[in-house]
Amino acid sequence: VDLEAHVEDFRAKGLSELLAEFGSIQEWLDFLFECEERLSLALLQQRHYQAIYESAWWVHSINTTVSERESNLRREREALESKFKEQRNKFLEDLEGFNDLVEQFKDCGNLRQV
């Protein structure tokens, strides 16, 4: 339940904050690209471009990742609920069986009638 609340909170606030922060970083990168181009400087190297690419890929895939984890969580919860229902039904059957035994004992267990 806590995990589900956390996922809902992330969808409500966290994801939009993450995307807004990424947008701000993207604006700075655009500024750097423009400066590099105008000044003919080589400020960014291949490792920088690789980091930028990986960050952008991660930010844009986070919603998919959260959705996949949420689906897994839902399936696990359904499996646990199903198992709990089976155990509850088995317990009820056992109780009914014990009740039948008590009724039989009540009918046949009176020593004064023997």
PDB file of N, CA and C in Angstrom:
ATOM      1  N   VAL A   1       0.828  -1.188   0.000  1.00  0.00           N
ATOM      2  CA  VAL A   1       0.000   0.000   0.000  1.00  0.00           C
ATOM      3  C   VAL A   1       0.876   1.256   0.000  1.00  0.00           C
ATOM      4  N   ASP A   2       1.941   1.244   0.806  1.00  0.00           N
ATOM      5  CA  ASP A   2       2.850   2.396   0.829  1.00  0.00           C
ATOM      6  C   ASP A   2       3.507   2.592  -0.529  1.00  0.00           C
ATOM      7  N   LEU A   3       3.878   1.484  -1.153  1.00  0.00           N
ATOM      8  CA  LEU A   3       4.529   1.574  -2.459  1.00  0.00           C
ATOM      9  C   LEU A   3       3.563   2.133  -3.500  1.00  0.00           C
ATOM     10  N   GLU A   4       2.316   1.707  -3.433  1.00  0.00           N
ATOM     11  CA  GLU A   4       1.321   2.232  -4.370  1.00  0.00           C
ATOM     12  C   GLU A   4       1.119   3.736  -4.164  1.00  0.00           C
ATOM     13  N   ALA A   5       1.100   4.160  -2.907  1.00  0.00           N
ATOM     14  CA  ALA A   5       0.959   5.589  -2.616  1.00  0.00           C
ATOM     15  C   ALA A   5       2.164   6.364  -3.138  1.00  0.00           C
ATOM     16  N   HIS A   6       3.333   5.774  -2.998  1.00  0.00           N
ATOM     17  CA  HIS A   6       4.551   6.423  -3.499  1.00  0.00           C
ATOM     18  C   HIS A   6       4.501   6.564  -5.021  1.00  0.00           C
ATOM     19  N   VAL A   7       4.031   5.528  -5.707  1.00  0.00           N
ATOM     20  CA  VAL A   7       3.921   5.580  -7.177  1.00  0.00           C
ATOM     21  C   VAL A   7       2.922   6.660  -7.590  1.00  0.00           C
ATOM     22  N   GLU A   8       1.785   6.725  -6.896  1.00  0.00           N
ATOM     23  CA  GLU A   8       0.796   7.753  -7.219  1.00  0.00           C
ATOM     24  C   GLU A   8       1.357   9.151  -6.970  1.00  0.00           C
ATOM     25  N   ASP A   9       2.100   9.304  -5.876  1.00  0.00           N
ATOM     26  CA  ASP A   9       2.730  10.596  -5.572  1.00  0.00           C
ATOM     27  C   ASP A   9       3.745  10.963  -6.647  1.00  0.00           C
ATOM     28  N   PHE A  10       4.514   9.959  -7.107  1.00  0.00           N
ATOM     29  CA  PHE A  10       5.493  10.214  -8.170  1.00  0.00           C
ATOM     30  C   PHE A  10       4.785  10.659  -9.443  1.00  0.00           C
ATOM     31  N   ARG A  11       3.695   9.992  -9.785  1.00  0.00           N
ATOM     32  CA  ARG A  11       2.960  10.368 -11.000  1.00  0.00           C
ATOM     33  C   ARG A  11       2.346  11.764 -10.856  1.00  0.00           C
ATOM     34  N   ALA A  12       1.864  12.088  -9.649  1.00  0.00           N
ATOM     35  CA  ALA A  12       1.205  13.378  -9.432  1.00  0.00           C
ATOM     36  C   ALA A  12       2.202  14.531  -9.418  1.00  0.00           C
ATOM     37  N   LYS A  13       3.342  14.351  -8.729  1.00  0.00           N
ATOM     38  CA  LYS A  13       4.283  15.471  -8.557  1.00  0.00           C
ATOM     39  C   LYS A  13       5.682  15.168  -9.089  1.00  0.00           C
ATOM     40  N   GLY A  14       6.192  14.023  -8.736  1.00  0.00           N
ATOM     41  CA  GLY A  14       7.596  13.711  -9.005  1.00  0.00           C
ATOM     42  C   GLY A  14       7.984  13.717 -10.467  1.00  0.00           C
ATOM     43  N   LEU A  15       7.149  13.107 -11.293  1.00  0.00           N
ATOM     44  CA  LEU A  15       7.477  13.031 -12.717  1.00  0.00           C
ATOM     45  C   LEU A  15       7.487  14.413 -13.349  1.00  0.00           C
ATOM     46  N   SER A  16       6.496  15.226 -13.032  1.00  0.00           N
ATOM     47  CA  SER A  16       6.461  16.567 -13.621  1.00  0.00           C
ATOM     48  C   SER A  16       7.642  17.406 -13.144  1.00  0.00           C
ATOM     49  N   GLU A  17       8.025  17.253 -11.869  1.00  0.00           N
ATOM     50  CA  GLU A  17       9.196  17.971 -11.355  1.00  0.00           C
ATOM     51  C   GLU A  17      10.477  17.501 -12.051  1.00  0.00           C
ATOM     52  N   LEU A  18      10.573  16.206 -12.261  1.00  0.00           N
ATOM     53  CA  LEU A  18      11.737  15.649 -12.950  1.00  0.00           C
ATOM     54  C   LEU A  18      11.824  16.167 -14.380  1.00  0.00           C
ATOM     55  N   LEU A  19      10.707  16.176 -15.060  1.00  0.00           N
ATOM     56  CA  LEU A  19      10.696  16.662 -16.446  1.00  0.00           C
ATOM     57  C   LEU A  19      10.976  18.162 -16.512  1.00  0.00           C
ATOM     58  N   ALA A  20      10.470  18.914 -15.536  1.00  0.00           N
ATOM     59  CA  ALA A  20      10.749  20.356 -15.498  1.00  0.00           C
ATOM     60  C   ALA A  20      12.233  20.602 -15.260  1.00  0.00           C
ATOM     61  N   GLU A  21      12.827  19.841 -14.361  1.00  0.00           N
ATOM     62  CA  GLU A  21      14.261  19.984 -14.093  1.00  0.00           C
ATOM     63  C   GLU A  21      15.076  19.603 -15.328  1.00  0.00           C
ATOM     64  N   PHE A  22      14.652  18.549 -15.999  1.00  0.00           N
ATOM     65  CA  PHE A  22      15.337  18.148 -17.221  1.00  0.00           C
ATOM     66  C   PHE A  22      15.208  19.223 -18.292  1.00  0.00           C
ATOM     67  N   GLY A  23      14.030  19.860 -18.369  1.00  0.00           N
ATOM     68  CA  GLY A  23      13.831  20.947 -19.333  1.00  0.00           C
ATOM     69  C   GLY A  23      14.774  22.097 -19.067  1.00  0.00           C
ATOM     70  N   SER A  24      14.978  22.400 -17.794  1.00  0.00           N
ATOM     71  CA  SER A  24      15.909  23.468 -17.420  1.00  0.00           C
ATOM     72  C   SER A  24      17.339  23.107 -17.841  1.00  0.00           C
ATOM     73  N   ILE A  25      17.710  21.872 -17.597  1.00  0.00           N
ATOM     74  CA  ILE A  25      19.053  21.412 -17.998  1.00  0.00           C
ATOM     75  C   ILE A  25      19.187  21.449 -19.513  1.00  0.00           C
ATOM     76  N   GLN A  26      18.123  21.096 -20.187  1.00  0.00           N
ATOM     77  CA  GLN A  26      18.149  21.115 -21.652  1.00  0.00           C
ATOM     78  C   GLN A  26      18.346  22.535 -22.182  1.00  0.00           C
ATOM     79  N   GLU A  27      17.748  23.504 -21.518  1.00  0.00           N
ATOM     80  CA  GLU A  27      17.945  24.895 -21.930  1.00  0.00           C
ATOM     81  C   GLU A  27      19.411  25.305 -21.763  1.00  0.00           C
ATOM     82  N   TRP A  28      20.039  24.900 -20.667  1.00  0.00           N
ATOM     83  CA  TRP A  28      21.461  25.181 -20.473  1.00  0.00           C
ATOM     84  C   TRP A  28      22.314  24.513 -21.546  1.00  0.00           C
ATOM     85  N   LEU A  29      21.965  23.298 -21.895  1.00  0.00           N
ATOM     86  CA  LEU A  29      22.707  22.602 -22.953  1.00  0.00           C
ATOM     87  C   LEU A  29      22.548  23.326 -24.287  1.00  0.00           C
ATOM     88  N   ASP A  30      21.343  23.763 -24.579  1.00  0.00           N
ATOM     89  CA  ASP A  30      21.119  24.535 -25.817  1.00  0.00           C
ATOM     90  C   ASP A  30      21.996  25.788 -25.820  1.00  0.00           C
ATOM     91  N   PHE A  31      22.080  26.443 -24.657  1.00  0.00           N
ATOM     92  CA  PHE A  31      22.922  27.629 -24.531  1.00  0.00           C
ATOM     93  C   PHE A  31      24.387  27.280 -24.795  1.00  0.00           C
ATOM     94  N   LEU A  32      24.847  26.149 -24.217  1.00  0.00           N
ATOM     95  CA  LEU A  32      26.239  25.728 -24.443  1.00  0.00           C
ATOM     96  C   LEU A  32      26.486  25.410 -25.923  1.00  0.00           C
ATOM     97  N   PHE A  33      25.555  24.730 -26.555  1.00  0.00           N
ATOM     98  CA  PHE A  33      25.712  24.404 -27.974  1.00  0.00           C
ATOM     99  C   PHE A  33      25.814  25.677 -28.808  1.00  0.00           C
ATOM    100  N   GLU A  34      24.962  26.631 -28.475  1.00  0.00           N
ATOM    101  CA  GLU A  34      24.967  27.895 -29.206  1.00  0.00           C
ATOM    102  C   GLU A  34      26.294  28.634 -29.004  1.00  0.00           C
ATOM    103  N   CYS A  35      26.780  28.644 -27.763  1.00  0.00           N
ATOM    104  CA  CYS A  35      28.062  29.304 -27.482  1.00  0.00           C
ATOM    105  C   CYS A  35      29.199  28.622 -28.225  1.00  0.00           C
ATOM    106  N   GLU A  36      29.196  27.303 -28.219  1.00  0.00           N
ATOM    107  CA  GLU A  36      30.231  26.554 -28.935  1.00  0.00           C
ATOM    108  C   GLU A  36      30.230  26.910 -30.409  1.00  0.00           C
ATOM    109  N   GLU A  37      29.042  26.962 -30.964  1.00  0.00           N
ATOM    110  CA  GLU A  37      28.913  27.231 -32.391  1.00  0.00           C
ATOM    111  C   GLU A  37      29.344  28.659 -32.738  1.00  0.00           C
ATOM    112  N   ARG A  38      28.924  29.629 -31.955  1.00  0.00           N
ATOM    113  CA  ARG A  38      29.247  31.034 -32.229  1.00  0.00           C
ATOM    114  C   ARG A  38      30.719  31.335 -31.993  1.00  0.00           C
ATOM    115  N   LEU A  39      31.291  30.712 -30.972  1.00  0.00           N
ATOM    116  CA  LEU A  39      32.680  31.010 -30.627  1.00  0.00           C
ATOM    117  C   LEU A  39      33.672  30.018 -31.232  1.00  0.00           C
ATOM    118  N   SER A  40      33.161  29.050 -31.934  1.00  0.00           N
ATOM    119  CA  SER A  40      34.000  28.001 -32.531  1.00  0.00           C
ATOM    120  C   SER A  40      34.885  27.338 -31.474  1.00  0.00           C
ATOM    121  N   LEU A  41      34.309  27.061 -30.360  1.00  0.00           N
ATOM    122  CA  LEU A  41      35.029  26.385 -29.277  1.00  0.00           C
ATOM    123  C   LEU A  41      34.588  24.926 -29.208  1.00  0.00           C
ATOM    124  N   ALA A  42      35.444  24.142 -28.633  1.00  0.00           N
ATOM    125  CA  ALA A  42      35.115  22.733 -28.420  1.00  0.00           C
ATOM    126  C   ALA A  42      34.997  22.497 -26.921  1.00  0.00           C
ATOM    127  N   LEU A  43      33.936  23.003 -26.331  1.00  0.00           N
ATOM    128  CA  LEU A  43      33.736  22.856 -24.892  1.00  0.00           C
ATOM    129  C   LEU A  43      33.310  21.437 -24.511  1.00  0.00           C
ATOM    130  N   LEU A  44      32.493  20.856 -25.365  1.00  0.00           N
ATOM    131  CA  LEU A  44      31.972  19.524 -25.067  1.00  0.00           C
ATOM    132  C   LEU A  44      32.730  18.465 -25.849  1.00  0.00           C
ATOM    133  N   GLN A  45      32.979  17.360 -25.169  1.00  0.00           N
ATOM    134  CA  GLN A  45      33.682  16.240 -25.789  1.00  0.00           C
ATOM    135  C   GLN A  45      32.725  15.061 -25.916  1.00  0.00           C
ATOM    136  N   GLN A  46      33.224  13.992 -26.506  1.00  0.00           N
ATOM    137  CA  GLN A  46      32.383  12.813 -26.749  1.00  0.00           C
ATOM    138  C   GLN A  46      31.762  12.274 -25.457  1.00  0.00           C
ATOM    139  N   ARG A  47      32.502  12.268 -24.371  1.00  0.00           N
ATOM    140  CA  ARG A  47      31.974  11.749 -23.098  1.00  0.00           C
ATOM    141  C   ARG A  47      30.821  12.611 -22.597  1.00  0.00           C
ATOM    142  N   HIS A  48      30.879  13.914 -22.873  1.00  0.00           N
ATOM    143  CA  HIS A  48      29.782  14.795 -22.485  1.00  0.00           C
ATOM    144  C   HIS A  48      28.512  14.467 -23.280  1.00  0.00           C
ATOM    145  N   TYR A  49      28.695  14.266 -24.597  1.00  0.00           N
ATOM    146  CA  TYR A  49      27.553  13.930 -25.441  1.00  0.00           C
ATOM    147  C   TYR A  49      26.945  12.592 -25.027  1.00  0.00           C
ATOM    148  N   GLN A  50      27.805  11.654 -24.682  1.00  0.00           N
ATOM    149  CA  GLN A  50      27.326  10.345 -24.234  1.00  0.00           C
ATOM    150  C   GLN A  50      26.512  10.488 -22.942  1.00  0.00           C
ATOM    151  N   ALA A  51      27.005  11.274 -21.993  1.00  0.00           N
ATOM    152  CA  ALA A  51      26.293  11.499 -20.730  1.00  0.00           C
ATOM    153  C   ALA A  51      24.960  12.200 -20.974  1.00  0.00           C
ATOM    154  N   ILE A  52      24.950  13.161 -21.887  1.00  0.00           N
ATOM    155  CA  ILE A  52      23.717  13.875 -22.222  1.00  0.00           C
ATOM    156  C   ILE A  52      22.698  12.903 -22.816  1.00  0.00           C
ATOM    157  N   TYR A  53      23.165  12.068 -23.732  1.00  0.00           N
ATOM    158  CA  TYR A  53      22.278  11.095 -24.362  1.00  0.00           C
ATOM    159  C   TYR A  53      21.699  10.129 -23.337  1.00  0.00           C
ATOM    160  N   GLU A  54      22.561   9.580 -22.484  1.00  0.00           N
ATOM    161  CA  GLU A  54      22.101   8.613 -21.478  1.00  0.00           C
ATOM    162  C   GLU A  54      21.128   9.250 -20.492  1.00  0.00           C
ATOM    163  N   SER A  55      21.380  10.479 -20.098  1.00  0.00           N
ATOM    164  CA  SER A  55      20.472  11.183 -19.187  1.00  0.00           C
ATOM    165  C   SER A  55      19.112  11.412 -19.839  1.00  0.00           C
ATOM    166  N   ALA A  56      19.135  11.867 -21.073  1.00  0.00           N
ATOM    167  CA  ALA A  56      17.877  12.110 -21.780  1.00  0.00           C
ATOM    168  C   ALA A  56      17.104  10.808 -21.961  1.00  0.00           C
ATOM    169  N   TRP A  57      17.796   9.745 -22.313  1.00  0.00           N
ATOM    170  CA  TRP A  57      17.140   8.446 -22.484  1.00  0.00           C
ATOM    171  C   TRP A  57      16.511   7.999 -21.173  1.00  0.00           C
ATOM    172  N   TRP A  58      17.242   8.154 -20.062  1.00  0.00           N
ATOM    173  CA  TRP A  58      16.737   7.741 -18.756  1.00  0.00           C
ATOM    174  C   TRP A  58      15.500   8.547 -18.366  1.00  0.00           C
ATOM    175  N   VAL A  59      15.559   9.870 -18.551  1.00  0.00           N
ATOM    176  CA  VAL A  59      14.426  10.725 -18.179  1.00  0.00           C
ATOM    177  C   VAL A  59      13.188  10.360 -18.986  1.00  0.00           C
ATOM    178  N   HIS A  60      13.363  10.105 -20.266  1.00  0.00           N
ATOM    179  CA  HIS A  60      12.211   9.803 -21.104  1.00  0.00           C
ATOM    180  C   HIS A  60      11.714   8.371 -20.944  1.00  0.00           C
ATOM    181  N   SER A  61      12.513   7.494 -20.360  1.00  0.00           N
ATOM    182  CA  SER A  61      12.073   6.113 -20.148  1.00  0.00           C
ATOM    183  C   SER A  61      11.564   5.867 -18.729  1.00  0.00           C
ATOM    184  N   ILE A  62      11.688   6.851 -17.849  1.00  0.00           N
ATOM    185  CA  ILE A  62      11.303   6.645 -16.446  1.00  0.00           C
ATOM    186  C   ILE A  62       9.815   6.345 -16.312  1.00  0.00           C
ATOM    187  N   ASN A  63       8.978   6.991 -17.094  1.00  0.00           N
ATOM    188  CA  ASN A  63       7.536   6.744 -17.015  1.00  0.00           C
ATOM    189  C   ASN A  63       7.212   5.312 -17.421  1.00  0.00           C
ATOM    190  N   THR A  64       7.857   4.815 -18.462  1.00  0.00           N
ATOM    191  CA  THR A  64       7.659   3.431 -18.891  1.00  0.00           C
ATOM    192  C   THR A  64       8.132   2.468 -17.813  1.00  0.00           C
ATOM    193  N   THR A  65       9.281   2.755 -17.226  1.00  0.00           N
ATOM    194  CA  THR A  65       9.826   1.902 -16.172  1.00  0.00           C
ATOM    195  C   THR A  65       8.885   1.863 -14.970  1.00  0.00           C
ATOM    196  N   VAL A  66       8.373   3.008 -14.581  1.00  0.00           N
ATOM    197  CA  VAL A  66       7.439   3.067 -13.452  1.00  0.00           C
ATOM    198  C   VAL A  66       6.164   2.295 -13.788  1.00  0.00           C
ATOM    199  N   SER A  67       5.676   2.418 -14.998  1.00  0.00           N
ATOM    200  CA  SER A  67       4.469   1.691 -15.410  1.00  0.00           C
ATOM    201  C   SER A  67       4.694   0.182 -15.367  1.00  0.00           C
ATOM    202  N   GLU A  68       5.859  -0.266 -15.818  1.00  0.00           N
ATOM    203  CA  GLU A  68       6.175  -1.694 -15.775  1.00  0.00           C
ATOM    204  C   GLU A  68       6.233  -2.191 -14.339  1.00  0.00           C
ATOM    205  N   ARG A  69       6.898  -1.425 -13.471  1.00  0.00           N
ATOM    206  CA  ARG A  69       7.001  -1.823 -12.056  1.00  0.00           C
ATOM    207  C   ARG A  69       5.625  -1.821 -11.397  1.00  0.00           C
ATOM    208  N   GLU A  70       4.796  -0.849 -11.782  1.00  0.00           N
ATOM    209  CA  GLU A  70       3.450  -0.777 -11.231  1.00  0.00           C
ATOM    210  C   GLU A  70       2.629  -1.997 -11.651  1.00  0.00           C
ATOM    211  N   SER A  71       2.776  -2.427 -12.897  1.00  0.00           N
ATOM    212  CA  SER A  71       2.085  -3.625 -13.371  1.00  0.00           C
ATOM    213  C   SER A  71       2.567  -4.866 -12.620  1.00  0.00           C
ATOM    214  N   ASN A  72       3.878  -4.958 -12.421  1.00  0.00           N
ATOM    215  CA  ASN A  72       4.423  -6.083 -11.653  1.00  0.00           C
ATOM    216  C   ASN A  72       3.873  -6.083 -10.237  1.00  0.00           C
ATOM    217  N   LEU A  73       3.823  -4.915  -9.630  1.00  0.00           N
ATOM    218  CA  LEU A  73       3.302  -4.778  -8.271  1.00  0.00           C
ATOM    219  C   LEU A  73       1.839  -5.205  -8.219  1.00  0.00           C
ATOM    220  N   ARG A  74       1.058  -4.794  -9.205  1.00  0.00           N
ATOM    221  CA  ARG A  74      -0.353  -5.157  -9.256  1.00  0.00           C
ATOM    222  C   ARG A  74      -0.522  -6.669  -9.379  1.00  0.00           C
ATOM    223  N   ARG A  75       0.288  -7.301 -10.246  1.00  0.00           N
ATOM    224  CA  ARG A  75       0.214  -8.756 -10.408  1.00  0.00           C
ATOM    225  C   ARG A  75       0.600  -9.477  -9.114  1.00  0.00           C
ATOM    226  N   GLU A  76       1.642  -8.993  -8.447  1.00  0.00           N
ATOM    227  CA  GLU A  76       2.050  -9.600  -7.180  1.00  0.00           C
ATOM    228  C   GLU A  76       0.948  -9.465  -6.135  1.00  0.00           C
ATOM    229  N   ARG A  77       0.329  -8.300  -6.088  1.00  0.00           N
ATOM    230  CA  ARG A  77      -0.745  -8.076  -5.120  1.00  0.00           C
ATOM    231  C   ARG A  77      -1.925  -8.997  -5.406  1.00  0.00           C
ATOM    232  N   GLU A  78      -2.293  -9.121  -6.683  1.00  0.00           N
ATOM    233  CA  GLU A  78      -3.397 -10.012  -7.042  1.00  0.00           C
ATOM    234  C   GLU A  78      -3.086 -11.455  -6.678  1.00  0.00           C
ATOM    235  N   ALA A  79      -1.838 -11.877  -6.886  1.00  0.00           N
ATOM    236  CA  ALA A  79      -1.440 -13.240  -6.526  1.00  0.00           C
ATOM    237  C   ALA A  79      -1.526 -13.444  -5.015  1.00  0.00           C
ATOM    238  N   LEU A  80      -1.068 -12.458  -4.250  1.00  0.00           N
ATOM    239  CA  LEU A  80      -1.144 -12.561  -2.787  1.00  0.00           C
ATOM    240  C   LEU A  80      -2.596 -12.590  -2.309  1.00  0.00           C
ATOM    241  N   GLU A  81      -3.427 -11.737  -2.903  1.00  0.00           N
ATOM    242  CA  GLU A  81      -4.839 -11.724  -2.523  1.00  0.00           C
ATOM    243  C   GLU A  81      -5.507 -13.046  -2.866  1.00  0.00           C
ATOM    244  N   SER A  82      -5.178 -13.607  -4.008  1.00  0.00           N
ATOM    245  CA  SER A  82      -5.735 -14.894  -4.410  1.00  0.00           C
ATOM    246  C   SER A  82      -5.310 -15.996  -3.434  1.00  0.00           C
ATOM    247  N   LYS A  83      -4.042 -15.994  -3.074  1.00  0.00           N
ATOM    248  CA  LYS A  83      -3.541 -16.989  -2.128  1.00  0.00           C
ATOM    249  C   LYS A  83      -4.227 -16.823  -0.770  1.00  0.00           C
ATOM    250  N   PHE A  84      -4.399 -15.575  -0.337  1.00  0.00           N
ATOM    251  CA  PHE A  84      -5.077 -15.308   0.927  1.00  0.00           C
ATOM    252  C   PHE A  84      -6.518 -15.822   0.884  1.00  0.00           C
ATOM    253  N   LYS A  85      -7.223 -15.598  -0.224  1.00  0.00           N
ATOM    254  CA  LYS A  85      -8.601 -16.067  -0.351  1.00  0.00           C
ATOM    255  C   LYS A  85      -8.664 -17.585  -0.299  1.00  0.00           C
ATOM    256  N   GLU A  86      -7.715 -18.249  -0.957  1.00  0.00           N
ATOM    257  CA  GLU A  86      -7.672 -19.706  -0.917  1.00  0.00           C
ATOM    258  C   GLU A  86      -7.466 -20.208   0.510  1.00  0.00           C
ATOM    259  N   GLN A  87      -6.532 -19.593   1.236  1.00  0.00           N
ATOM    260  CA  GLN A  87      -6.275 -19.984   2.612  1.00  0.00           C
ATOM    261  C   GLN A  87      -7.488 -19.701   3.496  1.00  0.00           C
ATOM    262  N   ARG A  88      -8.148 -18.577   3.262  1.00  0.00           N
ATOM    263  CA  ARG A  88      -9.354 -18.249   4.034  1.00  0.00           C
ATOM    264  C   ARG A  88     -10.456 -19.271   3.768  1.00  0.00           C
ATOM    265  N   ASN A  89     -10.651 -19.630   2.495  1.00  0.00           N
ATOM    266  CA  ASN A  89     -11.674 -20.617   2.153  1.00  0.00           C
ATOM    267  C   ASN A  89     -11.368 -21.975   2.768  1.00  0.00           C
ATOM    268  N   LYS A  90     -10.104 -22.362   2.763  1.00  0.00           N
ATOM    269  CA  LYS A  90      -9.692 -23.625   3.381  1.00  0.00           C
ATOM    270  C   LYS A  90      -9.970 -23.591   4.879  1.00  0.00           C
ATOM    271  N   PHE A  91      -9.678 -22.459   5.513  1.00  0.00           N
ATOM    272  CA  PHE A  91      -9.928 -22.309   6.943  1.00  0.00           C
ATOM    273  C   PHE A  91     -11.424 -22.408   7.240  1.00  0.00           C
ATOM    274  N   LEU A  92     -12.261 -21.777   6.403  1.00  0.00           N
ATOM    275  CA  LEU A  92     -13.711 -21.849   6.587  1.00  0.00           C
ATOM    276  C   LEU A  92     -14.219 -23.280   6.425  1.00  0.00           C
ATOM    277  N   GLU A  93     -13.672 -23.995   5.451  1.00  0.00           N
ATOM    278  CA  GLU A  93     -14.050 -25.397   5.271  1.00  0.00           C
ATOM    279  C   GLU A  93     -13.669 -26.226   6.501  1.00  0.00           C
ATOM    280  N   ASP A  94     -12.481 -25.974   7.020  1.00  0.00           N
ATOM    281  CA  ASP A  94     -12.053 -26.680   8.233  1.00  0.00           C
ATOM    282  C   ASP A  94     -12.982 -26.366   9.402  1.00  0.00           C
ATOM    283  N   LEU A  95     -13.357 -25.094   9.558  1.00  0.00           N
ATOM    284  CA  LEU A  95     -14.270 -24.705  10.635  1.00  0.00           C
ATOM    285  C   LEU A  95     -15.629 -25.395  10.491  1.00  0.00           C
ATOM    286  N   GLU A  96     -16.129 -25.448   9.274  1.00  0.00           N
ATOM    287  CA  GLU A  96     -17.403 -26.119   9.038  1.00  0.00           C
ATOM    288  C   GLU A  96     -17.298 -27.604   9.361  1.00  0.00           C
ATOM    289  N   GLY A  97     -16.172 -28.209   9.005  1.00  0.00           N
ATOM    290  CA  GLY A  97     -15.947 -29.621   9.336  1.00  0.00           C
ATOM    291  C   GLY A  97     -15.903 -29.830  10.846  1.00  0.00           C
ATOM    292  N   PHE A  98     -15.229 -28.945  11.550  1.00  0.00           N
ATOM    293  CA  PHE A  98     -15.185 -29.046  13.013  1.00  0.00           C
ATOM    294  C   PHE A  98     -16.569 -28.835  13.616  1.00  0.00           C
ATOM    295  N   ASN A  99     -17.334 -27.925  13.033  1.00  0.00           N
ATOM    296  CA  ASN A  99     -18.695 -27.694  13.507  1.00  0.00           C
ATOM    297  C   ASN A  99     -19.539 -28.956  13.339  1.00  0.00           C
ATOM    298  N   ASP A 100     -19.383 -29.636  12.198  1.00  0.00           N
ATOM    299  CA  ASP A 100     -20.097 -30.896  11.976  1.00  0.00           C
ATOM    300  C   ASP A 100     -19.686 -31.939  13.011  1.00  0.00           C
ATOM    301  N   LEU A 101     -18.406 -32.031  13.341  1.00  0.00           N
ATOM    302  CA  LEU A 101     -17.946 -32.975  14.355  1.00  0.00           C
ATOM    303  C   LEU A 101     -18.524 -32.655  15.726  1.00  0.00           C
ATOM    304  N   VAL A 102     -18.613 -31.358  16.046  1.00  0.00           N
ATOM    305  CA  VAL A 102     -19.197 -30.948  17.325  1.00  0.00           C
ATOM    306  C   VAL A 102     -20.672 -31.331  17.374  1.00  0.00           C
ATOM    307  N   GLU A 103     -21.378 -31.140  16.253  1.00  0.00           N
ATOM    308  CA  GLU A 103     -22.788 -31.524  16.199  1.00  0.00           C
ATOM    309  C   GLU A 103     -22.951 -33.029  16.382  1.00  0.00           C
ATOM    310  N   GLN A 104     -22.072 -33.808  15.744  1.00  0.00           N
ATOM    311  CA  GLN A 104     -22.121 -35.267  15.911  1.00  0.00           C
ATOM    312  C   GLN A 104     -21.843 -35.652  17.363  1.00  0.00           C
ATOM    313  N   PHE A 105     -20.875 -35.005  17.967  1.00  0.00           N
ATOM    314  CA  PHE A 105     -20.543 -35.289  19.351  1.00  0.00           C
ATOM    315  C   PHE A 105     -21.712 -34.910  20.256  1.00  0.00           C
ATOM    316  N   LYS A 106     -22.372 -33.795  19.919  1.00  0.00           N
ATOM    317  CA  LYS A 106     -23.505 -33.344  20.719  1.00  0.00           C
ATOM    318  C   LYS A 106     -24.632 -34.384  20.668  1.00  0.00           C
ATOM    319  N   ASP A 107     -24.836 -34.961  19.448  1.00  0.00           N
ATOM    320  CA  ASP A 107     -25.891 -35.959  19.306  1.00  0.00           C
ATOM    321  C   ASP A 107     -25.530 -37.296  19.936  1.00  0.00           C
ATOM    322  N   CYS A 108     -24.277 -37.710  19.781  1.00  0.00           N
ATOM    323  CA  CYS A 108     -23.876 -39.039  20.229  1.00  0.00           C
ATOM    324  C   CYS A 108     -23.057 -39.048  21.512  1.00  0.00           C
ATOM    325  N   GLY A 109     -22.734 -37.939  22.038  1.00  0.00           N
ATOM    326  CA  GLY A 109     -21.796 -37.890  23.158  1.00  0.00           C
ATOM    327  C   GLY A 109     -22.435 -37.779  24.519  1.00  0.00           C
ATOM    328  N   ASN A 110     -23.754 -37.859  24.630  1.00  0.00           N
ATOM    329  CA  ASN A 110     -24.403 -37.758  25.924  1.00  0.00           C
ATOM    330  C   ASN A 110     -24.397 -39.110  26.606  1.00  0.00           C
ATOM    331  N   LEU A 111     -23.673 -39.242  27.712  1.00  0.00           N
ATOM    332  CA  LEU A 111     -23.549 -40.516  28.414  1.00  0.00           C
ATOM    333  C   LEU A 111     -24.849 -40.925  29.096  1.00  0.00           C
ATOM    334  N   ARG A 112     -25.694 -40.009  29.419  1.00  0.00           N
ATOM    335  CA  ARG A 112     -26.968 -40.334  30.072  1.00  0.00           C
ATOM    336  C   ARG A 112     -27.921 -41.050  29.126  1.00  0.00           C
ATOM    337  N   GLN A 113     -27.744 -40.792  27.821  1.00  0.00           N
ATOM    338  CA  GLN A 113     -28.623 -41.447  26.851  1.00  0.00           C
ATOM    339  C   GLN A 113     -28.181 -42.894  26.577  1.00  0.00           C
ATOM    340  N   VAL A 114     -26.949 -43.225  26.853  1.00  0.00           N
ATOM    341  CA  VAL A 114     -26.418 -44.554  26.555  1.00  0.00           C
ATOM    342  C   VAL A 114     -26.909 -45.538  27.499  1.00  0.00           C
TER     343      VAL A 114
END
